[in-house]
Amino acid sequence: MDNQQSKTHWKRLINPDHIGAYAFNPDEDLTVTIDYVRREQIVGTDGKKEEATVAHLKGHKPLILNVTNSKSIAKLYGPYIEEWAGKEITLYASMTKAFGDVVECLRIRPNVAKKRKPQITPDRLKKAIASIVAGQYTTEKLRAQFDLTDAQEKEVTEAVQAAVEGTNA
């Protein structure tokens, strides 16, 4: 079976000014923050200039908002584009019928995906535990920064308990 995640979509090589479905791997979601939304002149792939509603995203290329995606954001945050600034949306690639063909498109999930904290490597966990025991770091900061497995939680708890018992002995 081909691994599509290691392949390059041909539209990525064109590098347009706006984010598109081609920027996503299959089954990939991307949660982004809207910086601002406004009407502006865009240039299509055919070189034709037209007016469009564009959502400028923090840290990403802007997203041209069609009616479907505008309605999706309005369902999340209300109808006023000024109130969309600073709000998060979750994008994903889909397929739609357009111009007598089935084409790729970007869509917006009806709810914002919760951002997951990264996992911590065993080596980094050992360093974090050493910092906690030394009083330079806290378990609260560790849990705020990383998603710990049950085994990692146990390792942290046991190490902290052993350190406390060692100082109380």
Protein backbone atom coordinates (compact mmCIF):
# COMPACT_ATOMS: atom_id res chain seq x y z
CA MET A 1 0.00 0.00 0.00
CA ASP A 2 1.28 3.49 -0.87
CA ASN A 3 1.99 5.81 2.02
CA GLN A 4 0.26 9.02 0.90
CA GLN A 5 1.73 10.98 3.80
CA SER A 6 5.22 10.71 2.29
CA LYS A 7 4.07 11.90 -1.15
CA THR A 8 3.95 15.45 -2.50
CA HIS A 9 0.70 16.80 -3.94
CA TRP A 10 1.44 18.61 -7.20
CA LYS A 11 -0.40 21.74 -6.02
CA ARG A 12 2.08 22.12 -3.14
CA LEU A 13 4.77 22.87 -5.74
CA ILE A 14 2.81 25.77 -7.18
CA ASN A 15 2.86 27.43 -3.73
CA PRO A 16 -0.21 29.67 -4.05
CA ASP A 17 -0.82 32.56 -1.70
CA HIS A 18 -3.69 30.80 0.09
CA ILE A 19 -4.04 27.56 2.06
CA GLY A 20 -5.84 24.74 0.27
CA ALA A 21 -6.90 21.12 0.66
CA TYR A 22 -3.69 19.97 -1.04
CA ALA A 23 -1.72 21.13 2.04
CA PHE A 24 -3.27 18.33 4.12
CA ASN A 25 -2.41 14.67 4.41
CA PRO A 26 -5.34 12.22 4.42
CA ASP A 27 -7.30 12.35 7.70
CA GLU A 28 -5.29 15.37 8.92
CA ASP A 29 -6.94 18.23 10.82
CA LEU A 30 -5.36 21.61 11.47
CA THR A 31 -6.63 23.91 14.20
CA VAL A 32 -5.78 27.54 13.41
CA THR A 33 -6.52 30.95 14.91
CA ILE A 34 -8.20 33.62 12.81
CA ASP A 35 -6.25 36.89 12.90
CA TYR A 36 -8.79 38.93 10.90
CA VAL A 37 -11.28 38.59 8.04
CA ARG A 38 -11.82 41.08 5.20
CA ARG A 39 -12.85 41.42 1.57
CA GLU A 40 -9.89 41.72 -0.76
CA GLN A 41 -8.83 41.24 -4.34
CA ILE A 42 -7.32 37.83 -5.05
CA VAL A 43 -5.76 36.36 -8.17
CA GLY A 44 -7.08 32.95 -9.18
CA THR A 45 -4.91 30.16 -10.62
CA ASP A 46 -6.13 31.31 -14.06
CA GLY A 47 -4.66 34.78 -13.39
CA LYS A 48 -8.11 36.38 -13.13
CA LYS A 49 -8.59 38.98 -10.36
CA GLU A 50 -11.72 38.83 -8.21
CA GLU A 51 -13.08 40.03 -4.87
CA ALA A 52 -13.26 37.41 -2.12
CA THR A 53 -13.67 37.13 1.62
CA VAL A 54 -10.34 36.08 3.10
CA ALA A 55 -9.60 34.85 6.63
CA HIS A 56 -6.03 35.69 7.60
CA LEU A 57 -4.71 32.99 9.92
CA LYS A 58 -1.99 33.36 12.54
CA GLY A 59 1.12 31.48 11.40
CA HIS A 60 -0.45 30.12 8.18
CA LYS A 61 -1.37 31.23 4.68
CA PRO A 62 -4.76 32.98 4.42
CA LEU A 63 -7.93 31.00 3.70
CA ILE A 64 -10.36 32.14 1.00
CA LEU A 65 -13.81 31.80 2.57
CA ASN A 66 -16.55 30.43 0.36
CA VAL A 67 -20.20 30.49 1.47
CA THR A 68 -20.03 27.00 3.02
CA ASN A 69 -17.01 27.80 5.19
CA SER A 70 -18.36 31.25 6.12
CA LYS A 71 -21.58 29.58 7.33
CA SER A 72 -19.52 27.05 9.33
CA ILE A 73 -17.65 29.84 11.14
CA ALA A 74 -20.89 31.77 11.68
CA LYS A 75 -22.41 28.69 13.37
CA LEU A 76 -19.41 28.58 15.73
CA TYR A 77 -19.00 32.29 16.47
CA GLY A 78 -21.93 34.29 15.11
CA PRO A 79 -22.47 36.19 11.86
CA TYR A 80 -20.12 39.16 12.39
CA ILE A 81 -16.63 38.79 10.89
CA GLU A 82 -15.16 41.24 13.40
CA GLU A 83 -16.05 38.78 16.18
CA TRP A 84 -14.17 35.94 14.44
CA ALA A 85 -10.76 37.53 15.16
CA GLY A 86 -8.82 35.51 17.73
CA LYS A 87 -11.15 32.50 17.40
CA GLU A 88 -9.97 29.00 16.51
CA ILE A 89 -11.28 26.87 13.65
CA THR A 90 -10.34 23.32 12.66
CA LEU A 91 -9.69 22.77 8.95
CA TYR A 92 -9.76 19.47 7.06
CA ALA A 93 -9.64 18.35 3.43
CA SER A 94 -12.80 16.99 1.84
CA MET A 95 -14.32 16.45 -1.60
CA THR A 96 -17.17 18.38 -3.23
CA LYS A 97 -18.93 18.59 -6.57
CA ALA A 98 -17.97 21.70 -8.49
CA PHE A 99 -18.13 22.58 -12.17
CA GLY A 100 -19.35 19.09 -13.06
CA ASP A 101 -16.41 17.38 -11.33
CA VAL A 102 -15.56 16.10 -7.86
CA VAL A 103 -12.72 18.23 -6.47
CA GLU A 104 -10.76 18.68 -3.26
CA CYS A 105 -11.86 21.42 -0.90
CA LEU A 106 -11.10 22.72 2.57
CA ARG A 107 -13.86 22.52 5.14
CA ILE A 108 -14.28 23.66 8.73
CA ARG A 109 -15.27 21.21 11.45
CA PRO A 110 -18.49 22.05 13.35
CA ASN A 111 -16.47 22.17 16.57
CA VAL A 112 -12.88 23.06 17.33
CA ALA A 113 -10.61 20.08 17.95
CA LYS A 114 -9.05 20.14 21.39
CA LYS A 115 -5.35 20.74 21.14
CA ARG A 116 -3.39 17.80 22.43
CA LYS A 117 -0.27 18.31 24.43
CA PRO A 118 2.77 16.45 23.18
CA GLN A 119 3.96 13.18 24.69
CA ILE A 120 7.19 13.32 26.68
CA THR A 121 10.15 11.08 25.84
CA PRO A 122 11.50 8.79 28.60
CA ASP A 123 14.81 10.71 28.63
CA ARG A 124 13.10 14.08 28.95
CA LEU A 125 10.81 12.69 31.67
CA LYS A 126 13.84 11.59 33.72
CA LYS A 127 15.30 15.12 33.41
CA ALA A 128 11.96 16.66 34.39
CA ILE A 129 11.72 14.39 37.47
CA ALA A 130 15.28 15.35 38.46
CA SER A 131 14.33 19.04 38.15
CA ILE A 132 11.17 18.48 40.23
CA VAL A 133 13.15 16.67 42.95
CA ALA A 134 15.73 19.50 42.89
CA GLY A 135 12.93 22.06 43.34
CA GLN A 136 13.56 23.73 39.97
CA TYR A 137 10.35 22.52 38.28
CA THR A 138 6.87 21.41 39.41
CA THR A 139 4.59 18.51 38.60
CA GLU A 140 1.90 21.09 37.71
CA LYS A 141 4.14 22.62 35.04
CA LEU A 142 5.01 19.15 33.73
CA ARG A 143 1.35 18.16 33.40
CA ALA A 144 0.46 21.51 31.80
CA GLN A 145 3.16 21.03 29.16
CA PHE A 146 2.81 17.28 28.38
CA ASP A 147 0.21 14.51 28.19
CA LEU A 148 1.58 11.84 30.51
CA THR A 149 0.67 8.17 30.24
CA ASP A 150 -0.57 6.36 33.36
CA ALA A 151 2.85 4.71 33.69
CA GLN A 152 4.59 8.11 33.46
CA GLU A 153 2.21 9.59 36.05
CA LYS A 154 3.08 6.70 38.38
CA GLU A 155 6.82 7.21 37.75
CA VAL A 156 6.55 10.93 38.61
CA THR A 157 4.44 10.30 41.72
CA GLU A 158 6.78 7.59 43.02
CA ALA A 159 9.91 9.68 42.38
CA VAL A 160 8.45 12.72 44.14
CA GLN A 161 7.23 10.58 47.08
CA ALA A 162 10.67 8.95 47.41
CA ALA A 163 12.33 12.37 47.40
CA VAL A 164 9.94 13.70 50.05
CA GLU A 165 10.41 10.62 52.24
CA GLY A 166 14.19 10.92 51.78
CA THR A 167 14.18 14.50 53.07
CA ASN A 168 11.89 13.65 55.98
CA ALA A 169 14.00 10.71 57.15
